[in-house]
C-alpha cells in the first residue's frame, strides 16, 4: 500500500473535496488507496464531531 495516496485522500477530505473527485482511475489501486484515506479521515472527523456534541450536551445538563 502506498501511504502517500492514503494521506492524499485524507488531506482532500480535510479540504472539503468530495470523494467522487478522486484524481485516480476508478477501480485502480491508487483509487482504492486514496478513497481509503478519504474515508478514514471522514470517520475520524465524525468521531470528533460526536465527542464535541456529547461534551456540549453534558455542559448544558450541568
PDB file of N, CA and C in Angstrom:
ATOM      1  N   UNK A   1       0.843  -1.191   0.000  1.00  0.00           N
ATOM      2  CA  UNK A   1       0.000   0.000   0.000  1.00  0.00           C
ATOM      3  C   UNK A   1       0.880   1.243   0.000  1.00  0.00           C
ATOM      4  N   UNK A   2       0.483   2.213  -0.760  1.00  0.00           N
ATOM      5  CA  UNK A   2       1.195   3.484  -0.845  1.00  0.00           C
ATOM      6  C   UNK A   2       0.536   4.458   0.130  1.00  0.00           C
ATOM      7  N   UNK A   3       1.188   4.694   1.262  1.00  0.00           N
ATOM      8  CA  UNK A   3       0.585   5.566   2.271  1.00  0.00           C
ATOM      9  C   UNK A   3       0.470   7.008   1.792  1.00  0.00           C
ATOM     10  N   UNK A   4       1.263   7.395   0.799  1.00  0.00           N
ATOM     11  CA  UNK A   4       1.159   8.776   0.321  1.00  0.00           C
ATOM     12  C   UNK A   4      -0.189   9.026  -0.346  1.00  0.00           C
ATOM     13  N   UNK A   5      -0.727   8.030  -1.055  1.00  0.00           N
ATOM     14  CA  UNK A   5      -2.047   8.204  -1.668  1.00  0.00           C
ATOM     15  C   UNK A   5      -3.138   8.201  -0.610  1.00  0.00           C
ATOM     16  N   UNK A   6      -2.961   7.377   0.422  1.00  0.00           N
ATOM     17  CA  UNK A   6      -3.930   7.372   1.524  1.00  0.00           C
ATOM     18  C   UNK A   6      -3.913   8.733   2.224  1.00  0.00           C
ATOM     19  N   UNK A   7      -2.726   9.266   2.454  1.00  0.00           N
ATOM     20  CA  UNK A   7      -2.604  10.592   3.069  1.00  0.00           C
ATOM     21  C   UNK A   7      -3.206  11.666   2.173  1.00  0.00           C
ATOM     22  N   UNK A   8      -2.996  11.520   0.888  1.00  0.00           N
ATOM     23  CA  UNK A   8      -3.541  12.477  -0.084  1.00  0.00           C
ATOM     24  C   UNK A   8      -5.075  12.487   0.005  1.00  0.00           C
ATOM     25  N   UNK A   9      -5.676  11.314   0.116  1.00  0.00           N
ATOM     26  CA  UNK A   9      -7.129  11.225   0.250  1.00  0.00           C
ATOM     27  C   UNK A   9      -7.622  11.868   1.534  1.00  0.00           C
ATOM     28  N   UNK A  10      -6.900  11.642   2.628  1.00  0.00           N
ATOM     29  CA  UNK A  10      -7.263  12.257   3.902  1.00  0.00           C
ATOM     30  C   UNK A  10      -7.177  13.770   3.853  1.00  0.00           C
ATOM     31  N   UNK A  11      -6.127  14.271   3.242  1.00  0.00           N
ATOM     32  CA  UNK A  11      -5.983  15.726   3.102  1.00  0.00           C
ATOM     33  C   UNK A  11      -7.085  16.302   2.217  1.00  0.00           C
ATOM     34  N   UNK A  12      -7.465  15.546   1.203  1.00  0.00           N
ATOM     35  CA  UNK A  12      -8.541  16.005   0.321  1.00  0.00           C
ATOM     36  C   UNK A  12      -9.840  16.151   1.120  1.00  0.00           C
ATOM     37  N   UNK A  13     -10.133  15.180   1.982  1.00  0.00           N
ATOM     38  CA  UNK A  13     -11.335  15.297   2.812  1.00  0.00           C
ATOM     39  C   UNK A  13     -11.254  16.567   3.659  1.00  0.00           C
ATOM     40  N   UNK A  14     -10.110  16.801   4.271  1.00  0.00           N
ATOM     41  CA  UNK A  14      -9.942  17.982   5.123  1.00  0.00           C
ATOM     42  C   UNK A  14     -10.133  19.286   4.355  1.00  0.00           C
ATOM     43  N   UNK A  15      -9.846  19.275   3.074  1.00  0.00           N
ATOM     44  CA  UNK A  15     -10.015  20.472   2.245  1.00  0.00           C
ATOM     45  C   UNK A  15     -11.426  20.587   1.681  1.00  0.00           C
ATOM     46  N   UNK A  16     -12.275  19.610   2.003  1.00  0.00           N
ATOM     47  CA  UNK A  16     -13.658  19.670   1.545  1.00  0.00           C
ATOM     48  C   UNK A  16     -13.886  19.087   0.159  1.00  0.00           C
ATOM     49  N   UNK A  17     -12.936  18.323  -0.317  1.00  0.00           N
ATOM     50  CA  UNK A  17     -13.079  17.704  -1.632  1.00  0.00           C
ATOM     51  C   UNK A  17     -13.933  16.454  -1.499  1.00  0.00           C
ATOM     52  N   UNK A  18     -14.925  16.341  -2.348  1.00  0.00           N
ATOM     53  CA  UNK A  18     -15.827  15.190  -2.314  1.00  0.00           C
ATOM     54  C   UNK A  18     -15.102  13.928  -2.787  1.00  0.00           C
ATOM     55  N   UNK A  19     -15.556  12.793  -2.298  1.00  0.00           N
ATOM     56  CA  UNK A  19     -14.935  11.515  -2.626  1.00  0.00           C
ATOM     57  C   UNK A  19     -14.935  11.244  -4.134  1.00  0.00           C
ATOM     58  N   UNK A  20     -15.972  11.663  -4.810  1.00  0.00           N
ATOM     59  CA  UNK A  20     -16.049  11.388  -6.242  1.00  0.00           C
ATOM     60  C   UNK A  20     -15.092  12.242  -7.077  1.00  0.00           C
ATOM     61  N   UNK A  21     -14.334  13.100  -6.417  1.00  0.00           N
ATOM     62  CA  UNK A  21     -13.341  13.925  -7.119  1.00  0.00           C
ATOM     63  C   UNK A  21     -11.940  13.305  -7.068  1.00  0.00           C
ATOM     64  N   UNK A  22     -11.864  12.038  -6.676  1.00  0.00           N
ATOM     65  CA  UNK A  22     -10.576  11.341  -6.624  1.00  0.00           C
ATOM     66  C   UNK A  22      -9.898  11.455  -7.987  1.00  0.00           C
ATOM     67  N   UNK A  23      -8.615  11.829  -8.001  1.00  0.00           N
ATOM     68  CA  UNK A  23      -7.931  12.033  -9.281  1.00  0.00           C
ATOM     69  C   UNK A  23      -7.446  10.744  -9.950  1.00  0.00           C
ATOM     70  N   UNK A  24      -7.670   9.599  -9.327  1.00  0.00           N
ATOM     71  CA  UNK A  24      -7.181   8.330  -9.869  1.00  0.00           C
ATOM     72  C   UNK A  24      -8.300   7.572 -10.578  1.00  0.00           C
ATOM     73  N   UNK A  25      -7.930   6.691 -11.482  1.00  0.00           N
ATOM     74  CA  UNK A  25      -8.903   5.925 -12.271  1.00  0.00           C
ATOM     75  C   UNK A  25      -9.713   4.997 -11.360  1.00  0.00           C
ATOM     76  N   UNK A  26     -11.044   5.076 -11.437  1.00  0.00           N
ATOM     77  CA  UNK A  26     -11.893   4.209 -10.605  1.00  0.00           C
ATOM     78  C   UNK A  26     -11.504   2.737 -10.739  1.00  0.00           C
ATOM     79  N   UNK A  27     -11.423   2.066  -9.607  1.00  0.00           N
ATOM     80  CA  UNK A  27     -11.075   0.653  -9.580  1.00  0.00           C
ATOM     81  C   UNK A  27      -9.590   0.364  -9.505  1.00  0.00           C
ATOM     82  N   UNK A  28      -8.764   1.373  -9.758  1.00  0.00           N
ATOM     83  CA  UNK A  28      -7.313   1.164  -9.709  1.00  0.00           C
ATOM     84  C   UNK A  28      -6.837   1.112  -8.258  1.00  0.00           C
ATOM     85  N   UNK A  29      -5.651   0.568  -8.052  1.00  0.00           N
ATOM     86  CA  UNK A  29      -5.079   0.516  -6.705  1.00  0.00           C
ATOM     87  C   UNK A  29      -4.911   1.929  -6.133  1.00  0.00           C
ATOM     88  N   UNK A  30      -4.373   2.880  -6.897  1.00  0.00           N
ATOM     89  CA  UNK A  30      -4.263   4.241  -6.352  1.00  0.00           C
ATOM     90  C   UNK A  30      -5.638   4.815  -5.949  1.00  0.00           C
ATOM     91  N   UNK A  31      -6.656   4.532  -6.742  1.00  0.00           N
ATOM     92  CA  UNK A  31      -8.013   4.994  -6.414  1.00  0.00           C
ATOM     93  C   UNK A  31      -8.442   4.417  -5.066  1.00  0.00           C
ATOM     94  N   UNK A  32      -8.262   3.116  -4.899  1.00  0.00           N
ATOM     95  CA  UNK A  32      -8.680   2.456  -3.655  1.00  0.00           C
ATOM     96  C   UNK A  32      -7.921   3.007  -2.461  1.00  0.00           C
ATOM     97  N   UNK A  33      -6.636   3.251  -2.614  1.00  0.00           N
ATOM     98  CA  UNK A  33      -5.830   3.804  -1.521  1.00  0.00           C
ATOM     99  C   UNK A  33      -6.275   5.220  -1.184  1.00  0.00           C
ATOM    100  N   UNK A  34      -6.503   6.037  -2.195  1.00  0.00           N
ATOM    101  CA  UNK A  34      -6.936   7.418  -1.989  1.00  0.00           C
ATOM    102  C   UNK A  34      -8.280   7.438  -1.268  1.00  0.00           C
ATOM    103  N   UNK A  35      -9.219   6.620  -1.739  1.00  0.00           N
ATOM    104  CA  UNK A  35     -10.557   6.567  -1.133  1.00  0.00           C
ATOM    105  C   UNK A  35     -10.479   6.038   0.295  1.00  0.00           C
ATOM    106  N   UNK A  36      -9.606   5.083   0.547  1.00  0.00           N
ATOM    107  CA  UNK A  36      -9.444   4.569   1.909  1.00  0.00           C
ATOM    108  C   UNK A  36      -9.002   5.693   2.847  1.00  0.00           C
ATOM    109  N   UNK A  37      -8.061   6.506   2.405  1.00  0.00           N
ATOM    110  CA  UNK A  37      -7.615   7.645   3.215  1.00  0.00           C
ATOM    111  C   UNK A  37      -8.719   8.665   3.421  1.00  0.00           C
ATOM    112  N   UNK A  38      -9.488   8.922   2.373  1.00  0.00           N
ATOM    113  CA  UNK A  38     -10.605   9.868   2.453  1.00  0.00           C
ATOM    114  C   UNK A  38     -11.642   9.373   3.462  1.00  0.00           C
ATOM    115  N   UNK A  39     -12.002   8.079   3.365  1.00  0.00           N
ATOM    116  CA  UNK A  39     -12.998   7.500   4.275  1.00  0.00           C
ATOM    117  C   UNK A  39     -12.496   7.497   5.719  1.00  0.00           C
ATOM    118  N   UNK A  40     -11.224   7.173   5.893  1.00  0.00           N
ATOM    119  CA  UNK A  40     -10.658   7.155   7.244  1.00  0.00           C
ATOM    120  C   UNK A  40     -10.732   8.543   7.879  1.00  0.00           C
ATOM    121  N   UNK A  41     -10.356   9.551   7.112  1.00  0.00           N
ATOM    122  CA  UNK A  41     -10.381  10.912   7.647  1.00  0.00           C
ATOM    123  C   UNK A  41     -11.806  11.348   7.949  1.00  0.00           C
ATOM    124  N   UNK A  42     -12.752  10.958   7.113  1.00  0.00           N
ATOM    125  CA  UNK A  42     -14.157  11.284   7.355  1.00  0.00           C
ATOM    126  C   UNK A  42     -14.629  10.635   8.650  1.00  0.00           C
ATOM    127  N   UNK A  43     -14.259   9.373   8.869  1.00  0.00           N
ATOM    128  CA  UNK A  43     -14.652   8.671  10.091  1.00  0.00           C
ATOM    129  C   UNK A  43     -14.058   9.359  11.322  1.00  0.00           C
ATOM    130  N   UNK A  44     -12.801   9.774  11.228  1.00  0.00           N
ATOM    131  CA  UNK A  44     -12.170  10.484  12.347  1.00  0.00           C
ATOM    132  C   UNK A  44     -12.879  11.807  12.624  1.00  0.00           C
ATOM    133  N   UNK A  45     -13.232  12.523  11.569  1.00  0.00           N
ATOM    134  CA  UNK A  45     -13.945  13.786  11.712  1.00  0.00           C
ATOM    135  C   UNK A  45     -15.296  13.567  12.400  1.00  0.00           C
ATOM    136  N   UNK A  46     -16.031  12.562  11.951  1.00  0.00           N
ATOM    137  CA  UNK A  46     -17.342  12.282  12.533  1.00  0.00           C
ATOM    138  C   UNK A  46     -17.224  11.865  13.992  1.00  0.00           C
ATOM    139  N   UNK A  47     -16.174  11.121  14.321  1.00  0.00           N
ATOM    140  CA  UNK A  47     -15.934  10.715  15.708  1.00  0.00           C
ATOM    141  C   UNK A  47     -15.681  11.946  16.588  1.00  0.00           C
ATOM    142  N   UNK A  48     -14.839  12.860  16.115  1.00  0.00           N
ATOM    143  CA  UNK A  48     -14.567  14.085  16.890  1.00  0.00           C
ATOM    144  C   UNK A  48     -15.820  14.935  17.017  1.00  0.00           C
ATOM    145  N   UNK A  49     -16.600  15.011  15.961  1.00  0.00           N
ATOM    146  CA  UNK A  49     -17.836  15.781  15.996  1.00  0.00           C
ATOM    147  C   UNK A  49     -18.796  15.215  17.042  1.00  0.00           C
ATOM    148  N   UNK A  50     -18.922  13.903  17.086  1.00  0.00           N
ATOM    149  CA  UNK A  50     -19.786  13.258  18.073  1.00  0.00           C
ATOM    150  C   UNK A  50     -19.292  13.525  19.494  1.00  0.00           C
ATOM    151  N   UNK A  51     -17.985  13.496  19.691  1.00  0.00           N
ATOM    152  CA  UNK A  51     -17.422  13.785  21.008  1.00  0.00           C
ATOM    153  C   UNK A  51     -17.739  15.219  21.424  1.00  0.00           C
ATOM    154  N   UNK A  52     -17.657  16.139  20.480  1.00  0.00           N
ATOM    155  CA  UNK A  52     -17.973  17.535  20.791  1.00  0.00           C
ATOM    156  C   UNK A  52     -19.454  17.703  21.103  1.00  0.00           C
ATOM    157  N   UNK A  53     -20.312  17.010  20.383  1.00  0.00           N
ATOM    158  CA  UNK A  53     -21.751  17.064  20.671  1.00  0.00           C
ATOM    159  C   UNK A  53     -22.039  16.530  22.063  1.00  0.00           C
ATOM    160  N   UNK A  54     -21.395  15.428  22.423  1.00  0.00           N
ATOM    161  CA  UNK A  54     -21.586  14.853  23.758  1.00  0.00           C
ATOM    162  C   UNK A  54     -21.127  15.834  24.834  1.00  0.00           C
ATOM    163  N   UNK A  55     -19.991  16.487  24.602  1.00  0.00           N
ATOM    164  CA  UNK A  55     -19.476  17.450  25.582  1.00  0.00           C
ATOM    165  C   UNK A  55     -20.440  18.626  25.734  1.00  0.00           C
ATOM    166  N   UNK A  56     -21.014  19.082  24.623  1.00  0.00           N
ATOM    167  CA  UNK A  56     -21.985  20.188  24.701  1.00  0.00           C
ATOM    168  C   UNK A  56     -23.234  19.780  25.470  1.00  0.00           C
ATOM    169  N   UNK A  57     -23.684  18.576  25.230  1.00  0.00           N
ATOM    170  CA  UNK A  57     -24.869  18.078  25.939  1.00  0.00           C
ATOM    171  C   UNK A  57     -24.592  18.005  27.447  1.00  0.00           C
ATOM    172  N   UNK A  58     -23.420  17.534  27.806  1.00  0.00           N
ATOM    173  CA  UNK A  58     -23.076  17.451  29.224  1.00  0.00           C
ATOM    174  C   UNK A  58     -22.969  18.838  29.832  1.00  0.00           C
ATOM    175  N   UNK A  59     -22.419  19.788  29.102  1.00  0.00           N
ATOM    176  CA  UNK A  59     -22.285  21.154  29.608  1.00  0.00           C
ATOM    177  C   UNK A  59     -23.658  21.794  29.807  1.00  0.00           C
ATOM    178  N   UNK A  60     -24.583  21.507  28.906  1.00  0.00           N
ATOM    179  CA  UNK A  60     -25.932  22.065  29.025  1.00  0.00           C
ATOM    180  C   UNK A  60     -26.670  21.445  30.203  1.00  0.00           C
ATOM    181  N   UNK A  61     -26.392  20.171  30.480  1.00  0.00           N
ATOM    182  CA  UNK A  61     -27.088  19.465  31.558  1.00  0.00           C
ATOM    183  C   UNK A  61     -26.600  19.910  32.941  1.00  0.00           C
ATOM    184  N   UNK A  62     -25.425  20.478  33.020  1.00  0.00           N
ATOM    185  CA  UNK A  62     -24.905  20.863  34.342  1.00  0.00           C
ATOM    186  C   UNK A  62     -25.183  22.306  34.696  1.00  0.00           C
TER     187      UNK A  62
END
